[in-house]
Amino acid sequence: MFFFVSVLVGGLFAWIAVQIGFYATWILFFHLVLAAYIAIFLTPIIIPNISAAATTDYGTALILASVAIATLFIAYGICFACLTGHLRVEFPKIFDSVIAGLLGFQAGFLVWSFVILVFCLTPLAKSDYCRTHGFDVNSQQSNISFVCWWCDRFHSLVSIPGSQKTSDQIVRTLWAKMATPKAKTHDADAGEEAGNPGTPPPPPPGNTPGNTPASTAAPDAGPTPAKTNGDSKGSPGSKDEHPAERHSAPR
């Protein structure tokens, strides 16, 4: 269903493109691709520097949309100022009608696909309603691939030779961060902000206050050995027999 919405948005932009002409449509389409490219490649760099983006579930989507909108307005404003507002240039009729319409359709499809990309980076895309109506990540691969394809074409023109990074890899990295649960809970963050690191662990058994540590306890002497007859004093048959007993014996 949402694919047909993309077609309707593209048709609306195609009608606008025929009205403004090929030259103005080309300028608009170029700045739309530039805004999507800057937003996708700068968002992973901006997120670690903004703490709020790492703690909220909507931080990635907000940064992606904010960078794209800011880039579009700034770049289009500079272009409009440099051209002194002259965005209407006469081209052959086929350019201002057919080619401008096709380019406008691409621009509208790109805008709607980027909106879908931003939405898929929010927790709302994981809801049962969006999965049922085909508005989740798996159902919108065609629109997201369209955005990534144009960004990769732009990246091949402006990147350094040998660069292996693609917009599809960056988008998948952002999805992986969204799927990863937060390491800290709200209670743990509140405890750290209050300066309470938490309850220390209990001491090991045997080292509690008031008790003798297990390592310093007196060693067990073991059972006392019983005395044998040979070890007792004055045992019969020994050389130490008392002299009185020896003289009293009958002869």
Protein backbone atom coordinates (compact mmCIF):
# COMPACT_ATOMS: atom_id res chain seq x y z
CA MET A 1 0.00 0.00 0.00
CA PHE A 2 2.76 2.42 0.89
CA PHE A 3 4.49 1.74 -2.42
CA PHE A 4 1.49 3.25 -4.17
CA VAL A 5 1.78 6.24 -1.86
CA SER A 6 5.34 6.64 -3.15
CA VAL A 7 4.00 6.59 -6.70
CA LEU A 8 1.41 9.25 -5.84
CA VAL A 9 4.05 11.50 -4.26
CA GLY A 10 6.26 11.00 -7.30
CA GLY A 11 3.36 11.93 -9.58
CA LEU A 12 2.76 15.12 -7.60
CA PHE A 13 6.40 16.13 -7.95
CA ALA A 14 6.27 15.28 -11.66
CA TRP A 15 3.38 17.70 -12.14
CA ILE A 16 5.28 20.40 -10.25
CA ALA A 17 8.39 19.73 -12.35
CA VAL A 18 6.48 20.28 -15.58
CA GLN A 19 5.28 23.62 -14.23
CA ILE A 20 8.71 24.92 -13.15
CA GLY A 21 10.74 23.49 -16.05
CA PHE A 22 13.75 21.23 -16.44
CA TYR A 23 16.41 23.59 -15.06
CA ALA A 24 14.67 24.27 -11.74
CA THR A 25 13.75 20.60 -11.39
CA TRP A 26 17.35 19.54 -11.90
CA ILE A 27 18.52 21.97 -9.20
CA LEU A 28 15.87 20.67 -6.79
CA PHE A 29 16.72 17.02 -7.46
CA PHE A 30 20.45 17.65 -7.02
CA HIS A 31 19.94 19.27 -3.62
CA LEU A 32 17.60 16.47 -2.50
CA VAL A 33 20.28 13.87 -3.27
CA LEU A 34 22.90 16.06 -1.54
CA ALA A 35 20.74 16.39 1.58
CA ALA A 36 20.12 12.63 1.80
CA TYR A 37 23.81 11.89 1.24
CA ILE A 38 25.05 14.33 3.90
CA ALA A 39 22.46 13.11 6.41
CA ILE A 40 23.29 9.41 6.00
CA PHE A 41 27.07 9.82 6.11
CA LEU A 42 27.15 12.40 8.94
CA THR A 43 24.62 10.84 11.32
CA PRO A 44 26.99 8.09 12.63
CA ILE A 45 29.58 10.81 13.34
CA ILE A 46 27.17 13.14 15.13
CA ILE A 47 25.46 10.54 17.35
CA PRO A 48 28.48 9.81 19.65
CA ASN A 49 28.93 13.55 20.27
CA ILE A 50 25.33 14.11 21.43
CA SER A 51 24.44 12.29 24.64
CA ALA A 52 20.69 12.71 24.16
CA ALA A 53 20.83 10.84 20.86
CA ALA A 54 22.37 7.80 22.54
CA THR A 55 19.82 7.64 25.36
CA THR A 56 16.54 8.14 23.47
CA ASP A 57 15.02 5.75 20.96
CA TYR A 58 14.16 8.59 18.57
CA GLY A 59 17.60 10.23 18.62
CA THR A 60 18.90 8.62 15.43
CA ALA A 61 15.80 9.48 13.43
CA LEU A 62 15.73 13.07 14.68
CA ILE A 63 19.38 13.65 13.82
CA LEU A 64 18.97 12.10 10.37
CA ALA A 65 15.95 14.26 9.57
CA SER A 66 17.48 17.43 11.06
CA VAL A 67 20.71 17.13 9.09
CA ALA A 68 18.83 16.49 5.85
CA ILE A 69 16.47 19.44 6.29
CA ALA A 70 19.28 21.79 7.33
CA THR A 71 21.45 20.74 4.38
CA LEU A 72 18.60 21.17 1.92
CA PHE A 73 17.69 24.66 3.09
CA ILE A 74 21.28 25.89 3.36
CA ALA A 75 22.47 24.47 0.02
CA TYR A 76 19.32 25.49 -1.86
CA GLY A 77 19.47 28.96 -0.30
CA ILE A 78 23.10 29.42 -1.38
CA CYS A 79 22.25 28.26 -4.89
CA PHE A 80 19.26 30.60 -5.10
CA ALA A 81 21.38 33.52 -3.88
CA CYS A 82 24.22 32.81 -6.32
CA LEU A 83 21.84 32.53 -9.25
CA THR A 84 20.01 35.69 -8.06
CA GLY A 85 16.70 33.84 -8.24
CA HIS A 86 16.88 33.09 -11.96
CA LEU A 87 15.79 29.45 -11.93
CA ARG A 88 13.84 29.59 -15.17
CA VAL A 89 15.93 28.80 -18.25
CA GLU A 90 14.36 27.96 -21.58
CA PHE A 91 15.09 24.45 -22.86
CA PRO A 92 13.59 22.53 -25.74
CA LYS A 93 10.01 21.55 -25.19
CA ILE A 94 10.85 17.89 -24.62
CA PHE A 95 13.15 18.83 -21.72
CA ASP A 96 10.63 21.05 -19.99
CA SER A 97 7.85 18.49 -20.32
CA VAL A 98 8.93 14.86 -20.60
CA ILE A 99 12.42 14.87 -19.04
CA ALA A 100 11.43 17.37 -16.36
CA GLY A 101 8.44 15.19 -15.49
CA LEU A 102 10.60 12.06 -15.19
CA LEU A 103 13.14 13.90 -13.06
CA GLY A 104 10.37 15.30 -10.88
CA PHE A 105 8.95 11.81 -10.39
CA GLN A 106 12.38 10.63 -9.23
CA ALA A 107 12.59 13.59 -6.84
CA GLY A 108 9.19 12.80 -5.31
CA PHE A 109 10.01 9.11 -4.98
CA LEU A 110 13.32 10.06 -3.31
CA VAL A 111 11.61 12.36 -0.80
CA TRP A 112 9.04 9.74 0.21
CA SER A 113 11.67 7.00 0.41
CA PHE A 114 13.81 9.14 2.72
CA VAL A 115 10.79 9.78 4.95
CA ILE A 116 10.27 6.01 5.15
CA LEU A 117 13.95 5.53 6.05
CA VAL A 118 13.62 8.01 8.92
CA PHE A 119 10.44 6.34 10.14
CA CYS A 120 12.03 2.88 10.07
CA LEU A 121 14.69 4.13 12.52
CA THR A 122 12.04 4.77 15.17
CA PRO A 123 10.45 2.24 17.57
CA LEU A 124 7.10 2.80 15.84
CA ALA A 125 8.26 0.69 12.90
CA LYS A 126 8.46 -2.34 15.21
CA SER A 127 4.82 -2.15 16.27
CA ASP A 128 2.31 -4.78 15.24
CA TYR A 129 0.24 -2.26 13.27
CA CYS A 130 3.19 -1.29 11.04
CA ARG A 131 4.15 -4.92 10.50
CA THR A 132 0.60 -5.81 9.54
CA HIS A 133 0.28 -2.94 7.05
CA GLY A 134 3.76 -3.34 5.57
CA PHE A 135 5.42 -0.27 7.05
CA ASP A 136 8.32 -2.02 8.75
CA VAL A 137 11.95 -2.34 7.65
CA ASN A 138 11.56 -5.63 5.81
CA SER A 139 8.61 -4.38 3.78
CA GLN A 140 10.24 -1.11 2.70
CA GLN A 141 13.48 -2.43 1.25
CA SER A 142 12.71 -1.13 -2.25
CA ASN A 143 12.28 2.48 -1.09
CA ILE A 144 15.32 2.39 1.18
CA SER A 145 17.44 0.81 -1.56
CA PHE A 146 16.40 3.64 -3.88
CA VAL A 147 17.77 6.23 -1.45
CA CYS A 148 20.98 4.27 -0.91
CA TRP A 149 21.52 3.85 -4.65
CA TRP A 150 21.44 7.59 -5.33
CA CYS A 151 23.64 8.30 -2.31
CA ASP A 152 26.20 5.77 -3.54
CA ARG A 153 26.23 7.41 -6.99
CA PHE A 154 26.91 10.76 -5.36
CA HIS A 155 29.51 9.19 -3.06
CA SER A 156 31.39 7.75 -6.04
CA LEU A 157 31.82 11.30 -7.39
CA VAL A 158 32.96 13.07 -4.23
CA SER A 159 34.72 10.37 -2.17
CA ILE A 160 38.42 9.61 -2.16
CA PRO A 161 39.60 6.82 -4.49
CA GLY A 162 39.41 3.37 -2.94
CA SER A 163 36.69 4.21 -0.44
CA GLN A 164 34.73 1.05 0.34
CA LYS A 165 32.05 2.61 2.55
CA THR A 166 28.53 2.51 1.17
CA SER A 167 25.30 4.07 2.34
CA ASP A 168 23.70 0.65 2.66
CA GLN A 169 26.35 -0.37 5.21
CA ILE A 170 25.75 2.81 7.20
CA VAL A 171 21.98 2.31 7.22
CA ARG A 172 22.37 -1.28 8.40
CA THR A 173 24.71 -0.08 11.16
CA LEU A 174 22.08 2.39 12.33
CA TRP A 175 19.47 -0.36 12.34
CA ALA A 176 21.77 -2.59 14.39
CA LYS A 177 22.19 0.17 16.99
CA MET A 178 18.43 0.59 17.18
CA ALA A 179 17.96 -3.15 17.74
CA THR A 180 20.61 -3.28 20.50
CA PRO A 181 19.10 -2.76 24.00
CA LYS A 182 20.42 0.08 26.10
CA ALA A 183 23.25 -0.90 28.44
CA LYS A 184 22.07 1.32 31.30
CA THR A 185 18.65 1.45 32.83
CA HIS A 186 16.88 4.53 34.07
CA ASP A 187 17.41 3.61 37.73
CA ALA A 188 21.11 3.06 37.25
CA ASP A 189 21.45 6.42 35.51
CA ALA A 190 19.57 8.16 38.32
CA GLY A 191 21.82 6.55 40.92
CA GLU A 192 24.96 7.64 39.11
CA GLU A 193 23.68 11.20 38.72
CA ALA A 194 22.95 11.36 42.49
CA GLY A 195 26.48 10.19 43.26
CA ASN A 196 25.38 6.83 44.68
CA PRO A 197 27.28 4.10 42.88
CA GLY A 198 25.13 1.43 44.51
CA THR A 199 25.23 -0.90 47.53
CA PRO A 200 28.67 -2.49 47.97
CA PRO A 201 28.79 -6.27 47.86
CA PRO A 202 28.70 -8.09 51.22
CA PRO A 203 32.06 -9.25 52.65
CA PRO A 204 33.00 -12.89 52.20
CA PRO A 205 32.05 -15.38 54.95
CA GLY A 206 34.48 -15.47 57.85
CA ASN A 207 35.55 -11.85 57.53
CA THR A 208 32.49 -10.19 59.03
CA PRO A 209 33.12 -7.72 61.90
CA GLY A 210 33.25 -9.35 65.35
CA ASN A 211 34.27 -12.77 64.09
CA THR A 212 37.73 -14.20 63.88
CA PRO A 213 38.83 -14.55 60.29
CA ALA A 214 38.99 -18.10 59.06
CA SER A 215 42.67 -17.73 58.12
CA THR A 216 43.69 -16.67 61.72
CA ALA A 217 41.74 -19.32 63.68
CA ALA A 218 43.75 -21.64 65.95
CA PRO A 219 44.78 -24.82 64.20
CA ASP A 220 43.07 -28.05 65.25
CA ALA A 221 45.40 -30.12 67.39
CA GLY A 222 43.54 -33.29 66.62
CA PRO A 223 42.61 -36.11 69.07
CA THR A 224 44.91 -36.70 72.05
CA PRO A 225 46.71 -40.04 71.72
CA ALA A 226 46.02 -42.60 74.48
CA LYS A 227 48.93 -43.58 76.77
CA THR A 228 50.22 -47.08 76.42
CA ASN A 229 51.38 -49.36 79.27
CA GLY A 230 54.95 -48.95 78.23
CA ASP A 231 54.73 -45.21 78.58
CA SER A 232 53.20 -45.19 82.11
CA LYS A 233 55.43 -44.73 85.15
CA GLY A 234 56.23 -47.79 87.18
CA SER A 235 54.93 -50.37 84.78
CA PRO A 236 55.58 -54.02 85.68
CA GLY A 237 58.79 -55.51 84.32
CA SER A 238 60.60 -52.23 84.01
CA LYS A 239 63.97 -51.56 85.54
CA ASP A 240 62.58 -48.67 87.56
CA GLU A 241 60.60 -50.96 89.93
CA HIS A 242 60.36 -49.61 93.54
CA PRO A 243 62.97 -51.21 95.93
CA ALA A 244 60.40 -51.82 98.71
CA GLU A 245 58.31 -53.98 96.49
CA ARG A 246 61.39 -55.93 95.45
CA HIS A 247 62.43 -56.77 99.11
CA SER A 248 58.89 -57.69 100.22
CA ALA A 249 58.61 -60.52 97.76
CA PRO A 250 58.54 -64.02 99.47
CA ARG A 251 61.67 -66.07 99.25
